[in-house]
């Protein structure tokens, strides 16, 4: 999968859960804005990329057996 395509898919996943995250942050008294969320979205993308690579490596190990 192309890196840019992965990033787009990761962002779509993040947006799917954004309302739940916003609700939890609201309950904690933290105001959520697009400016505040951008660094977290970048971090989320890095985490998802690393998780994807780990899963991919595991899948390759399984096919080698």
PDB file of N, CA and C in Angstrom:
ATOM      1  N   UNK A   1       0.858  -1.188   0.000  1.00  0.00           N
ATOM      2  CA  UNK A   1       0.000   0.000   0.000  1.00  0.00           C
ATOM      3  C   UNK A   1       0.895   1.240   0.000  1.00  0.00           C
ATOM      4  N   UNK A   2       0.544   2.178  -0.791  1.00  0.00           N
ATOM      5  CA  UNK A   2       1.296   3.408  -0.913  1.00  0.00           C
ATOM      6  C   UNK A   2       1.205   4.221   0.376  1.00  0.00           C
ATOM      7  N   UNK A   3       2.311   4.862   0.769  1.00  0.00           N
ATOM      8  CA  UNK A   3       2.374   5.601   2.029  1.00  0.00           C
ATOM      9  C   UNK A   3       1.308   6.696   2.115  1.00  0.00           C
ATOM     10  N   UNK A   4       1.115   7.447   1.042  1.00  0.00           N
ATOM     11  CA  UNK A   4       0.121   8.529   1.041  1.00  0.00           C
ATOM     12  C   UNK A   4      -1.293   7.947   1.169  1.00  0.00           C
ATOM     13  N   UNK A   5      -1.525   6.834   0.513  1.00  0.00           N
ATOM     14  CA  UNK A   5      -2.825   6.169   0.598  1.00  0.00           C
ATOM     15  C   UNK A   5      -3.071   5.663   2.025  1.00  0.00           C
ATOM     16  N   UNK A   6      -2.014   5.125   2.648  1.00  0.00           N
ATOM     17  CA  UNK A   6      -2.122   4.666   4.035  1.00  0.00           C
ATOM     18  C   UNK A   6      -2.472   5.830   4.951  1.00  0.00           C
ATOM     19  N   UNK A   7      -1.782   6.924   4.774  1.00  0.00           N
ATOM     20  CA  UNK A   7      -2.027   8.094   5.614  1.00  0.00           C
ATOM     21  C   UNK A   7      -3.481   8.532   5.498  1.00  0.00           C
ATOM     22  N   UNK A   8      -4.006   8.538   4.295  1.00  0.00           N
ATOM     23  CA  UNK A   8      -5.399   8.913   4.086  1.00  0.00           C
ATOM     24  C   UNK A   8      -6.327   7.936   4.814  1.00  0.00           C
ATOM     25  N   UNK A   9      -6.045   6.657   4.717  1.00  0.00           N
ATOM     26  CA  UNK A   9      -6.871   5.666   5.404  1.00  0.00           C
ATOM     27  C   UNK A   9      -6.768   5.814   6.919  1.00  0.00           C
ATOM     28  N   UNK A  10      -5.576   6.091   7.423  1.00  0.00           N
ATOM     29  CA  UNK A  10      -5.398   6.298   8.860  1.00  0.00           C
ATOM     30  C   UNK A  10      -6.189   7.509   9.331  1.00  0.00           C
ATOM     31  N   UNK A  11      -6.178   8.576   8.532  1.00  0.00           N
ATOM     32  CA  UNK A  11      -6.933   9.780   8.883  1.00  0.00           C
ATOM     33  C   UNK A  11      -8.433   9.497   8.870  1.00  0.00           C
ATOM     34  N   UNK A  12      -8.894   8.678   7.929  1.00  0.00           N
ATOM     35  CA  UNK A  12     -10.309   8.319   7.888  1.00  0.00           C
ATOM     36  C   UNK A  12     -10.699   7.541   9.150  1.00  0.00           C
ATOM     37  N   UNK A  13      -9.812   6.666   9.604  1.00  0.00           N
ATOM     38  CA  UNK A  13     -10.066   5.931  10.851  1.00  0.00           C
ATOM     39  C   UNK A  13     -10.135   6.911  12.020  1.00  0.00           C
ATOM     40  N   UNK A  14      -9.199   7.843  12.064  1.00  0.00           N
ATOM     41  CA  UNK A  14      -9.183   8.824  13.152  1.00  0.00           C
ATOM     42  C   UNK A  14     -10.457   9.655  13.160  1.00  0.00           C
ATOM     43  N   UNK A  15     -10.906  10.073  11.988  1.00  0.00           N
ATOM     44  CA  UNK A  15     -12.112  10.890  11.906  1.00  0.00           C
ATOM     45  C   UNK A  15     -13.341  10.102  12.343  1.00  0.00           C
ATOM     46  N   UNK A  16     -13.319   8.804  12.128  1.00  0.00           N
ATOM     47  CA  UNK A  16     -14.422   7.936  12.550  1.00  0.00           C
ATOM     48  C   UNK A  16     -14.589   7.983  14.075  1.00  0.00           C
ATOM     49  N   UNK A  17     -13.477   8.063  14.788  1.00  0.00           N
ATOM     50  CA  UNK A  17     -13.514   8.054  16.247  1.00  0.00           C
ATOM     51  C   UNK A  17     -13.416   9.449  16.866  1.00  0.00           C
ATOM     52  N   UNK A  18     -13.294  10.467  16.037  1.00  0.00           N
ATOM     53  CA  UNK A  18     -13.174  11.839  16.537  1.00  0.00           C
ATOM     54  C   UNK A  18     -14.354  12.264  17.405  1.00  0.00           C
ATOM     55  N   UNK A  19     -15.607  11.973  17.042  1.00  0.00           N
ATOM     56  CA  UNK A  19     -16.717  12.379  17.916  1.00  0.00           C
ATOM     57  C   UNK A  19     -16.612  11.777  19.326  1.00  0.00           C
ATOM     58  N   UNK A  20     -16.187  10.525  19.409  1.00  0.00           N
ATOM     59  CA  UNK A  20     -16.020   9.884  20.718  1.00  0.00           C
ATOM     60  C   UNK A  20     -14.896  10.564  21.508  1.00  0.00           C
ATOM     61  N   UNK A  21     -13.801  10.861  20.837  1.00  0.00           N
ATOM     62  CA  UNK A  21     -12.682  11.541  21.496  1.00  0.00           C
ATOM     63  C   UNK A  21     -13.095  12.928  21.962  1.00  0.00           C
ATOM     64  N   UNK A  22     -13.839  13.641  21.107  1.00  0.00           N
ATOM     65  CA  UNK A  22     -14.297  14.990  21.472  1.00  0.00           C
ATOM     66  C   UNK A  22     -15.197  14.940  22.693  1.00  0.00           C
ATOM     67  N   UNK A  23     -16.082  13.964  22.742  1.00  0.00           N
ATOM     68  CA  UNK A  23     -16.977  13.817  23.887  1.00  0.00           C
ATOM     69  C   UNK A  23     -16.184  13.586  25.179  1.00  0.00           C
ATOM     70  N   UNK A  24     -15.191  12.729  25.107  1.00  0.00           N
ATOM     71  CA  UNK A  24     -14.382  12.448  26.290  1.00  0.00           C
ATOM     72  C   UNK A  24     -13.570  13.667  26.711  1.00  0.00           C
ATOM     73  N   UNK A  25     -13.029  14.388  25.734  1.00  0.00           N
ATOM     74  CA  UNK A  25     -12.277  15.600  26.057  1.00  0.00           C
ATOM     75  C   UNK A  25     -13.194  16.669  26.637  1.00  0.00           C
ATOM     76  N   UNK A  26     -14.402  16.812  26.086  1.00  0.00           N
ATOM     77  CA  UNK A  26     -15.374  17.764  26.627  1.00  0.00           C
ATOM     78  C   UNK A  26     -15.679  17.442  28.091  1.00  0.00           C
ATOM     79  N   UNK A  27     -15.869  16.165  28.390  1.00  0.00           N
ATOM     80  CA  UNK A  27     -16.160  15.755  29.763  1.00  0.00           C
ATOM     81  C   UNK A  27     -14.991  16.059  30.698  1.00  0.00           C
ATOM     82  N   UNK A  28     -13.781  16.037  30.151  1.00  0.00           N
ATOM     83  CA  UNK A  28     -12.592  16.338  30.946  1.00  0.00           C
ATOM     84  C   UNK A  28     -12.319  17.835  31.012  1.00  0.00           C
ATOM     85  N   UNK A  29     -13.143  18.622  30.308  1.00  0.00           N
ATOM     86  CA  UNK A  29     -12.969  20.073  30.330  1.00  0.00           C
ATOM     87  C   UNK A  29     -11.917  20.580  29.353  1.00  0.00           C
ATOM     88  N   UNK A  30     -11.583  19.777  28.356  1.00  0.00           N
ATOM     89  CA  UNK A  30     -10.586  20.170  27.363  1.00  0.00           C
ATOM     90  C   UNK A  30     -11.316  20.547  26.077  1.00  0.00           C
ATOM     91  N   UNK A  31     -11.075  21.765  25.616  1.00  0.00           N
ATOM     92  CA  UNK A  31     -11.710  22.220  24.387  1.00  0.00           C
ATOM     93  C   UNK A  31     -10.929  21.690  23.189  1.00  0.00           C
ATOM     94  N   UNK A  32     -11.631  21.135  22.223  1.00  0.00           N
ATOM     95  CA  UNK A  32     -10.997  20.559  21.044  1.00  0.00           C
ATOM     96  C   UNK A  32     -11.211  21.476  19.843  1.00  0.00           C
ATOM     97  N   UNK A  33     -10.126  21.809  19.180  1.00  0.00           N
ATOM     98  CA  UNK A  33     -10.206  22.594  17.949  1.00  0.00           C
ATOM     99  C   UNK A  33      -9.298  21.929  16.920  1.00  0.00           C
ATOM    100  N   UNK A  34      -9.485  22.260  15.668  1.00  0.00           N
ATOM    101  CA  UNK A  34      -8.654  21.679  14.617  1.00  0.00           C
ATOM    102  C   UNK A  34      -7.188  22.055  14.804  1.00  0.00           C
ATOM    103  N   UNK A  35      -6.925  23.238  15.332  1.00  0.00           N
ATOM    104  CA  UNK A  35      -5.547  23.651  15.579  1.00  0.00           C
ATOM    105  C   UNK A  35      -4.906  22.791  16.662  1.00  0.00           C
ATOM    106  N   UNK A  36      -5.685  22.482  17.703  1.00  0.00           N
ATOM    107  CA  UNK A  36      -5.162  21.656  18.784  1.00  0.00           C
ATOM    108  C   UNK A  36      -5.022  20.199  18.380  1.00  0.00           C
ATOM    109  N   UNK A  37      -5.893  19.740  17.516  1.00  0.00           N
ATOM    110  CA  UNK A  37      -5.901  18.317  17.172  1.00  0.00           C
ATOM    111  C   UNK A  37      -4.821  17.943  16.157  1.00  0.00           C
ATOM    112  N   UNK A  38      -4.346  18.886  15.362  1.00  0.00           N
ATOM    113  CA  UNK A  38      -3.393  18.577  14.288  1.00  0.00           C
ATOM    114  C   UNK A  38      -2.147  17.828  14.781  1.00  0.00           C
ATOM    115  N   UNK A  39      -1.481  18.261  15.848  1.00  0.00           N
ATOM    116  CA  UNK A  39      -0.306  17.507  16.300  1.00  0.00           C
ATOM    117  C   UNK A  39      -0.657  16.069  16.713  1.00  0.00           C
ATOM    118  N   UNK A  40      -1.842  15.883  17.276  1.00  0.00           N
ATOM    119  CA  UNK A  40      -2.258  14.546  17.679  1.00  0.00           C
ATOM    120  C   UNK A  40      -2.574  13.672  16.467  1.00  0.00           C
ATOM    121  N   UNK A  41      -3.112  14.277  15.421  1.00  0.00           N
ATOM    122  CA  UNK A  41      -3.379  13.532  14.200  1.00  0.00           C
ATOM    123  C   UNK A  41      -2.061  13.080  13.570  1.00  0.00           C
ATOM    124  N   UNK A  42      -1.059  13.940  13.605  1.00  0.00           N
ATOM    125  CA  UNK A  42       0.255  13.565  13.082  1.00  0.00           C
ATOM    126  C   UNK A  42       0.843  12.416  13.894  1.00  0.00           C
ATOM    127  N   UNK A  43       0.704  12.488  15.205  1.00  0.00           N
ATOM    128  CA  UNK A  43       1.184  11.415  16.075  1.00  0.00           C
ATOM    129  C   UNK A  43       0.421  10.126  15.805  1.00  0.00           C
ATOM    130  N   UNK A  44      -0.895  10.225  15.659  1.00  0.00           N
ATOM    131  CA  UNK A  44      -1.727   9.064  15.358  1.00  0.00           C
ATOM    132  C   UNK A  44      -1.265   8.400  14.063  1.00  0.00           C
ATOM    133  N   UNK A  45      -0.953   9.198  13.054  1.00  0.00           N
ATOM    134  CA  UNK A  45      -0.504   8.658  11.779  1.00  0.00           C
ATOM    135  C   UNK A  45       0.809   7.897  11.945  1.00  0.00           C
ATOM    136  N   UNK A  46       1.721   8.430  12.741  1.00  0.00           N
ATOM    137  CA  UNK A  46       2.988   7.736  12.994  1.00  0.00           C
ATOM    138  C   UNK A  46       2.757   6.410  13.713  1.00  0.00           C
ATOM    139  N   UNK A  47       1.882   6.419  14.706  1.00  0.00           N
ATOM    140  CA  UNK A  47       1.572   5.195  15.457  1.00  0.00           C
ATOM    141  C   UNK A  47       0.943   4.158  14.529  1.00  0.00           C
ATOM    142  N   UNK A  48      -0.015   4.581  13.727  1.00  0.00           N
ATOM    143  CA  UNK A  48      -0.681   3.658  12.818  1.00  0.00           C
ATOM    144  C   UNK A  48       0.300   3.101  11.780  1.00  0.00           C
ATOM    145  N   UNK A  49       1.213   3.909  11.288  1.00  0.00           N
ATOM    146  CA  UNK A  49       2.204   3.449  10.312  1.00  0.00           C
ATOM    147  C   UNK A  49       3.098   2.383  10.941  1.00  0.00           C
ATOM    148  N   UNK A  50       3.536   2.629  12.165  1.00  0.00           N
ATOM    149  CA  UNK A  50       4.386   1.661  12.851  1.00  0.00           C
ATOM    150  C   UNK A  50       3.622   0.368  13.133  1.00  0.00           C
ATOM    151  N   UNK A  51       2.364   0.487  13.547  1.00  0.00           N
ATOM    152  CA  UNK A  51       1.541  -0.699  13.798  1.00  0.00           C
ATOM    153  C   UNK A  51       1.326  -1.478  12.504  1.00  0.00           C
ATOM    154  N   UNK A  52       1.111  -0.783  11.408  1.00  0.00           N
ATOM    155  CA  UNK A  52       0.931  -1.432  10.112  1.00  0.00           C
ATOM    156  C   UNK A  52       2.190  -2.213   9.733  1.00  0.00           C
ATOM    157  N   UNK A  53       3.345  -1.579   9.875  1.00  0.00           N
ATOM    158  CA  UNK A  53       4.608  -2.242   9.530  1.00  0.00           C
ATOM    159  C   UNK A  53       4.843  -3.460  10.414  1.00  0.00           C
ATOM    160  N   UNK A  54       4.507  -3.381  11.680  1.00  0.00           N
ATOM    161  CA  UNK A  54       4.645  -4.515  12.587  1.00  0.00           C
ATOM    162  C   UNK A  54       3.735  -5.658  12.164  1.00  0.00           C
ATOM    163  N   UNK A  55       2.490  -5.352  11.843  1.00  0.00           N
ATOM    164  CA  UNK A  55       1.549  -6.368  11.376  1.00  0.00           C
ATOM    165  C   UNK A  55       2.000  -6.989  10.062  1.00  0.00           C
ATOM    166  N   UNK A  56       2.528  -6.165   9.187  1.00  0.00           N
ATOM    167  CA  UNK A  56       3.019  -6.647   7.898  1.00  0.00           C
ATOM    168  C   UNK A  56       4.191  -7.611   8.105  1.00  0.00           C
ATOM    169  N   UNK A  57       5.118  -7.253   8.993  1.00  0.00           N
ATOM    170  CA  UNK A  57       6.261  -8.120   9.287  1.00  0.00           C
ATOM    171  C   UNK A  57       5.796  -9.440   9.884  1.00  0.00           C
ATOM    172  N   UNK A  58       4.823  -9.373  10.784  1.00  0.00           N
ATOM    173  CA  UNK A  58       4.275 -10.598  11.376  1.00  0.00           C
ATOM    174  C   UNK A  58       3.625 -11.482  10.317  1.00  0.00           C
ATOM    175  N   UNK A  59       2.896 -10.887   9.408  1.00  0.00           N
ATOM    176  CA  UNK A  59       2.234 -11.645   8.342  1.00  0.00           C
ATOM    177  C   UNK A  59       3.271 -12.314   7.437  1.00  0.00           C
ATOM    178  N   UNK A  60       4.337 -11.604   7.139  1.00  0.00           N
ATOM    179  CA  UNK A  60       5.394 -12.184   6.302  1.00  0.00           C
ATOM    180  C   UNK A  60       6.066 -13.363   7.004  1.00  0.00           C
ATOM    181  N   UNK A  61       6.275 -13.253   8.316  1.00  0.00           N
ATOM    182  CA  UNK A  61       6.854 -14.364   9.091  1.00  0.00           C
ATOM    183  C   UNK A  61       5.947 -15.580   9.027  1.00  0.00           C
ATOM    184  N   UNK A  62       4.648 -15.361   9.126  1.00  0.00           N
ATOM    185  CA  UNK A  62       3.678 -16.461   9.084  1.00  0.00           C
ATOM    186  C   UNK A  62       3.694 -17.168   7.737  1.00  0.00           C
ATOM    187  N   UNK A  63       3.864 -16.411   6.655  1.00  0.00           N
ATOM    188  CA  UNK A  63       3.863 -17.037   5.336  1.00  0.00           C
ATOM    189  C   UNK A  63       5.159 -17.784   5.072  1.00  0.00           C
ATOM    190  N   UNK A  64       6.211 -17.445   5.779  1.00  0.00           N
ATOM    191  CA  UNK A  64       7.502 -18.120   5.617  1.00  0.00           C
ATOM    192  C   UNK A  64       7.521 -19.479   6.313  1.00  0.00           C
ATOM    193  N   UNK A  65       6.608 -19.719   7.219  1.00  0.00           N
ATOM    194  CA  UNK A  65       6.602 -20.976   7.975  1.00  0.00           C
ATOM    195  C   UNK A  65       6.083 -22.100   7.169  1.00  0.00           C
TER     196      UNK A  65
END
